[in-house]
Amino acid sequence: MDIYHIIRRPLVTEKGTYQSKQSHGVTASRPGRGGAYSFEVHPEANKIEIRNAIEKIYNVKVEAVRTSVHRGKYRRHRFKSGMTRHWKKAVVVLRPEFHIDLF
């Protein structure tokens, strides 16, 4: 799969903007980390592919990747019923010295 098909779009929300600004330095119990950025990704992409795509597209170093699958919901409109699409969300945590300027 091509790296430009793995990352579909960045998710710019209030929560995502807040998480991108949050970072912490090195402490005795945990290492330092940069902000967390969320993206909509291809449903079949795994964490390693997401990490490689983010590092190549945005020229940053990724520390951790968290993923979650959002199932579609049943919706009705007038006399028809249907289902919204399924999608996958990835939250990417960067190293302390890197950031992405989209947010």
N, C-alpha and C. Protein backbone atom coordinates (compact mmCIF):
# COMPACT_ATOMS: atom_id res chain seq x y z
N MET A 1 0.85 -1.18 0.00
CA MET A 1 0.00 0.00 0.00
C MET A 1 0.89 1.25 0.00
N ASP A 2 0.53 2.24 -0.78
CA ASP A 2 1.29 3.48 -0.90
C ASP A 2 1.13 4.32 0.36
N ILE A 3 2.19 5.05 0.76
CA ILE A 3 2.13 5.84 2.00
C ILE A 3 1.08 6.94 1.91
N TYR A 4 0.79 7.41 0.71
CA TYR A 4 -0.21 8.48 0.57
C TYR A 4 -1.63 7.93 0.60
N HIS A 5 -1.80 6.61 0.50
CA HIS A 5 -3.12 6.00 0.66
C HIS A 5 -3.35 5.56 2.10
N ILE A 6 -2.29 5.41 2.87
CA ILE A 6 -2.43 5.00 4.27
C ILE A 6 -3.01 6.15 5.08
N ILE A 7 -2.45 7.34 4.95
CA ILE A 7 -2.92 8.52 5.69
C ILE A 7 -3.98 9.19 4.83
N ARG A 8 -5.23 9.20 5.30
CA ARG A 8 -6.30 9.81 4.51
C ARG A 8 -6.42 11.30 4.77
N ARG A 9 -6.47 11.69 6.04
CA ARG A 9 -6.59 13.12 6.36
C ARG A 9 -6.28 13.33 7.84
N PRO A 10 -5.78 14.50 8.20
CA PRO A 10 -5.61 14.81 9.63
C PRO A 10 -6.97 15.17 10.23
N LEU A 11 -7.17 14.80 11.48
CA LEU A 11 -8.40 15.13 12.18
C LEU A 11 -8.16 16.37 13.04
N VAL A 12 -8.65 17.51 12.58
CA VAL A 12 -8.45 18.77 13.29
C VAL A 12 -9.71 19.04 14.10
N THR A 13 -9.64 18.74 15.39
CA THR A 13 -10.74 18.96 16.32
C THR A 13 -10.22 19.71 17.53
N GLU A 14 -11.11 20.09 18.42
CA GLU A 14 -10.67 20.78 19.64
C GLU A 14 -9.78 19.87 20.48
N LYS A 15 -10.19 18.63 20.63
CA LYS A 15 -9.41 17.69 21.42
C LYS A 15 -8.05 17.43 20.77
N GLY A 16 -8.03 17.28 19.45
CA GLY A 16 -6.78 17.04 18.75
C GLY A 16 -5.83 18.20 18.85
N THR A 17 -6.36 19.42 18.77
CA THR A 17 -5.52 20.61 18.91
C THR A 17 -4.94 20.70 20.31
N TYR A 18 -5.74 20.37 21.32
CA TYR A 18 -5.27 20.38 22.70
C TYR A 18 -4.17 19.33 22.90
N GLN A 19 -4.37 18.12 22.36
CA GLN A 19 -3.38 17.06 22.51
C GLN A 19 -2.08 17.36 21.78
N SER A 20 -2.17 18.10 20.68
CA SER A 20 -0.95 18.42 19.94
C SER A 20 -0.08 19.42 20.69
N LYS A 21 -0.69 20.23 21.54
CA LYS A 21 0.05 21.22 22.32
C LYS A 21 0.63 20.62 23.61
N GLN A 22 0.09 19.49 24.06
CA GLN A 22 0.52 18.87 25.31
C GLN A 22 1.77 18.03 25.08
N SER A 23 2.78 18.26 25.88
CA SER A 23 3.99 17.44 25.85
C SER A 23 4.60 17.50 27.26
N HIS A 24 5.49 16.57 27.54
CA HIS A 24 6.14 16.62 28.85
C HIS A 24 7.59 16.21 28.70
N GLY A 25 8.39 16.67 29.61
CA GLY A 25 9.81 16.37 29.59
C GLY A 25 10.11 15.05 30.26
N VAL A 26 11.37 14.76 30.37
CA VAL A 26 11.82 13.51 30.97
C VAL A 26 11.65 13.59 32.47
N THR A 27 11.05 12.56 33.07
CA THR A 27 10.96 12.42 34.52
C THR A 27 11.60 11.09 34.91
N ALA A 28 11.61 10.82 36.21
CA ALA A 28 12.21 9.57 36.68
C ALA A 28 11.39 8.36 36.26
N SER A 29 10.07 8.53 36.12
CA SER A 29 9.21 7.38 35.84
C SER A 29 8.83 7.23 34.37
N ARG A 30 8.98 8.29 33.55
CA ARG A 30 8.60 8.17 32.14
C ARG A 30 9.48 9.05 31.26
N PRO A 31 9.68 8.61 30.02
CA PRO A 31 10.52 9.41 29.11
C PRO A 31 9.76 10.61 28.57
N GLY A 32 10.49 11.55 28.02
CA GLY A 32 9.87 12.73 27.43
C GLY A 32 9.16 12.38 26.14
N ARG A 33 8.15 13.18 25.79
CA ARG A 33 7.44 12.96 24.54
C ARG A 33 6.90 14.28 24.04
N GLY A 34 6.63 14.31 22.76
CA GLY A 34 6.06 15.50 22.13
C GLY A 34 4.55 15.42 22.12
N GLY A 35 3.93 16.18 21.26
CA GLY A 35 2.48 16.20 21.18
C GLY A 35 1.92 14.97 20.47
N ALA A 36 0.60 14.80 20.59
CA ALA A 36 -0.11 13.70 19.94
C ALA A 36 -0.99 14.26 18.84
N TYR A 37 -0.91 13.68 17.65
CA TYR A 37 -1.65 14.15 16.49
C TYR A 37 -2.54 13.02 15.99
N SER A 38 -3.77 13.34 15.61
CA SER A 38 -4.70 12.30 15.18
C SER A 38 -4.96 12.40 13.68
N PHE A 39 -5.10 11.23 13.04
CA PHE A 39 -5.30 11.12 11.61
C PHE A 39 -6.35 10.05 11.33
N GLU A 40 -7.08 10.25 10.23
CA GLU A 40 -7.90 9.16 9.72
C GLU A 40 -7.02 8.37 8.77
N VAL A 41 -6.98 7.05 8.97
CA VAL A 41 -6.09 6.20 8.18
C VAL A 41 -6.89 5.11 7.48
N HIS A 42 -6.24 4.41 6.57
CA HIS A 42 -6.86 3.30 5.85
C HIS A 42 -7.22 2.20 6.84
N PRO A 43 -8.40 1.60 6.74
CA PRO A 43 -8.81 0.59 7.73
C PRO A 43 -7.91 -0.64 7.79
N GLU A 44 -7.19 -0.96 6.74
CA GLU A 44 -6.33 -2.14 6.75
C GLU A 44 -4.88 -1.83 7.12
N ALA A 45 -4.58 -0.57 7.41
CA ALA A 45 -3.21 -0.19 7.77
C ALA A 45 -2.90 -0.60 9.20
N ASN A 46 -1.67 -1.10 9.42
CA ASN A 46 -1.27 -1.44 10.79
C ASN A 46 -0.38 -0.33 11.35
N LYS A 47 0.02 -0.50 12.60
CA LYS A 47 0.77 0.56 13.28
C LYS A 47 2.14 0.82 12.65
N ILE A 48 2.79 -0.20 12.17
CA ILE A 48 4.11 -0.03 11.56
C ILE A 48 3.99 0.76 10.26
N GLU A 49 2.98 0.44 9.44
CA GLU A 49 2.78 1.18 8.20
C GLU A 49 2.42 2.63 8.47
N ILE A 50 1.61 2.87 9.49
CA ILE A 50 1.22 4.24 9.86
C ILE A 50 2.45 5.02 10.32
N ARG A 51 3.28 4.40 11.14
CA ARG A 51 4.51 5.04 11.63
C ARG A 51 5.42 5.43 10.46
N ASN A 52 5.65 4.51 9.53
CA ASN A 52 6.53 4.79 8.39
C ASN A 52 5.96 5.89 7.50
N ALA A 53 4.64 5.88 7.29
CA ALA A 53 4.02 6.89 6.44
C ALA A 53 4.14 8.28 7.05
N ILE A 54 3.88 8.41 8.34
CA ILE A 54 3.96 9.71 9.03
C ILE A 54 5.40 10.22 9.00
N GLU A 55 6.37 9.33 9.26
CA GLU A 55 7.77 9.75 9.27
C GLU A 55 8.23 10.23 7.89
N LYS A 56 7.75 9.59 6.83
CA LYS A 56 8.19 9.98 5.49
C LYS A 56 7.44 11.21 4.98
N ILE A 57 6.15 11.32 5.26
CA ILE A 57 5.37 12.44 4.75
C ILE A 57 5.72 13.74 5.47
N TYR A 58 5.78 13.70 6.81
CA TYR A 58 5.97 14.93 7.59
C TYR A 58 7.41 15.13 8.06
N ASN A 59 8.31 14.18 7.78
CA ASN A 59 9.72 14.30 8.14
C ASN A 59 9.90 14.51 9.64
N VAL A 60 9.28 13.63 10.43
CA VAL A 60 9.36 13.67 11.90
C VAL A 60 9.71 12.27 12.39
N LYS A 61 9.98 12.15 13.69
CA LYS A 61 10.24 10.85 14.31
C LYS A 61 9.07 10.51 15.23
N VAL A 62 8.50 9.34 15.05
CA VAL A 62 7.32 8.90 15.80
C VAL A 62 7.76 8.06 16.99
N GLU A 63 7.17 8.35 18.15
CA GLU A 63 7.48 7.57 19.35
C GLU A 63 6.47 6.46 19.57
N ALA A 64 5.18 6.72 19.35
CA ALA A 64 4.15 5.71 19.59
C ALA A 64 2.96 5.95 18.66
N VAL A 65 2.22 4.88 18.39
CA VAL A 65 1.01 4.95 17.56
C VAL A 65 -0.10 4.22 18.29
N ARG A 66 -1.25 4.87 18.43
CA ARG A 66 -2.45 4.24 19.01
C ARG A 66 -3.53 4.25 17.94
N THR A 67 -4.25 3.14 17.80
CA THR A 67 -5.29 3.07 16.77
C THR A 67 -6.62 2.66 17.39
N SER A 68 -7.70 3.06 16.74
CA SER A 68 -9.04 2.62 17.14
C SER A 68 -9.91 2.56 15.90
N VAL A 69 -10.80 1.57 15.86
CA VAL A 69 -11.70 1.38 14.74
C VAL A 69 -13.07 1.89 15.13
N HIS A 70 -13.64 2.77 14.30
CA HIS A 70 -14.96 3.33 14.54
C HIS A 70 -15.93 2.67 13.57
N ARG A 71 -16.89 1.96 14.11
CA ARG A 71 -17.88 1.27 13.30
C ARG A 71 -18.93 2.27 12.82
N GLY A 72 -19.49 2.00 11.65
CA GLY A 72 -20.54 2.85 11.12
C GLY A 72 -21.83 2.69 11.92
N LYS A 73 -22.67 3.71 11.87
CA LYS A 73 -23.93 3.70 12.61
C LYS A 73 -25.09 3.63 11.62
N TYR A 74 -26.17 3.02 12.06
CA TYR A 74 -27.37 2.99 11.24
C TYR A 74 -28.05 4.35 11.32
N ARG A 75 -28.43 4.89 10.17
CA ARG A 75 -29.09 6.19 10.09
C ARG A 75 -30.30 6.06 9.17
N ARG A 76 -31.32 6.87 9.46
CA ARG A 76 -32.50 6.90 8.62
C ARG A 76 -32.68 8.29 8.06
N HIS A 77 -33.08 8.35 6.80
CA HIS A 77 -33.41 9.62 6.18
C HIS A 77 -34.68 9.43 5.39
N ARG A 78 -35.70 10.07 5.82
CA ARG A 78 -37.04 9.91 5.25
C ARG A 78 -37.46 8.45 5.33
N PHE A 79 -37.62 7.79 4.18
CA PHE A 79 -38.11 6.41 4.20
C PHE A 79 -37.01 5.39 3.94
N LYS A 80 -35.79 5.85 3.88
CA LYS A 80 -34.69 4.95 3.62
C LYS A 80 -33.80 4.84 4.85
N SER A 81 -33.24 3.67 5.02
CA SER A 81 -32.28 3.49 6.10
C SER A 81 -30.96 3.05 5.50
N GLY A 82 -29.89 3.44 6.12
CA GLY A 82 -28.57 3.11 5.62
C GLY A 82 -27.58 3.08 6.76
N MET A 83 -26.34 3.01 6.39
CA MET A 83 -25.30 2.92 7.41
C MET A 83 -24.16 3.86 7.02
N THR A 84 -23.62 4.58 7.99
CA THR A 84 -22.46 5.41 7.72
C THR A 84 -21.24 4.51 7.58
N ARG A 85 -20.17 5.03 7.05
CA ARG A 85 -19.02 4.18 6.75
C ARG A 85 -18.19 3.89 8.00
N HIS A 86 -17.46 2.78 7.96
CA HIS A 86 -16.51 2.43 9.00
C HIS A 86 -15.22 3.20 8.72
N TRP A 87 -14.49 3.58 9.78
CA TRP A 87 -13.22 4.27 9.58
C TRP A 87 -12.30 3.99 10.75
N LYS A 88 -11.01 4.24 10.53
CA LYS A 88 -9.99 3.95 11.52
C LYS A 88 -9.26 5.23 11.88
N LYS A 89 -9.03 5.42 13.17
CA LYS A 89 -8.35 6.61 13.68
C LYS A 89 -7.01 6.20 14.27
N ALA A 90 -5.98 7.00 13.99
CA ALA A 90 -4.65 6.76 14.55
C ALA A 90 -4.19 8.01 15.28
N VAL A 91 -3.75 7.84 16.51
CA VAL A 91 -3.16 8.93 17.29
C VAL A 91 -1.66 8.67 17.33
N VAL A 92 -0.90 9.62 16.80
CA VAL A 92 0.54 9.47 16.65
C VAL A 92 1.22 10.39 17.65
N VAL A 93 2.08 9.83 18.50
CA VAL A 93 2.84 10.61 19.48
C VAL A 93 4.25 10.78 18.95
N LEU A 94 4.71 12.03 18.89
CA LEU A 94 6.03 12.33 18.35
C LEU A 94 7.07 12.44 19.45
N ARG A 95 8.32 12.41 19.05
CA ARG A 95 9.41 12.66 19.99
C ARG A 95 9.42 14.13 20.38
N PRO A 96 10.03 14.48 21.52
CA PRO A 96 9.91 15.86 22.04
C PRO A 96 10.42 16.95 21.11
N GLU A 97 11.40 16.66 20.29
CA GLU A 97 12.00 17.71 19.46
C GLU A 97 11.27 17.95 18.15
N PHE A 98 10.18 17.20 17.87
CA PHE A 98 9.46 17.33 16.61
C PHE A 98 8.03 17.81 16.83
N HIS A 99 7.46 18.45 15.79
CA HIS A 99 6.05 18.82 15.80
C HIS A 99 5.58 18.95 14.36
N ILE A 100 4.27 18.91 14.17
CA ILE A 100 3.66 19.05 12.85
C ILE A 100 2.91 20.36 12.84
N ASP A 101 3.07 21.16 11.80
CA ASP A 101 2.51 22.51 11.76
C ASP A 101 1.07 22.57 11.28
N LEU A 102 0.43 21.44 11.01
CA LEU A 102 -0.95 21.46 10.54
C LEU A 102 -1.94 21.91 11.61
N PHE A 103 -1.62 21.69 12.86
CA PHE A 103 -2.59 21.89 13.93
C PHE A 103 -2.42 23.23 14.61
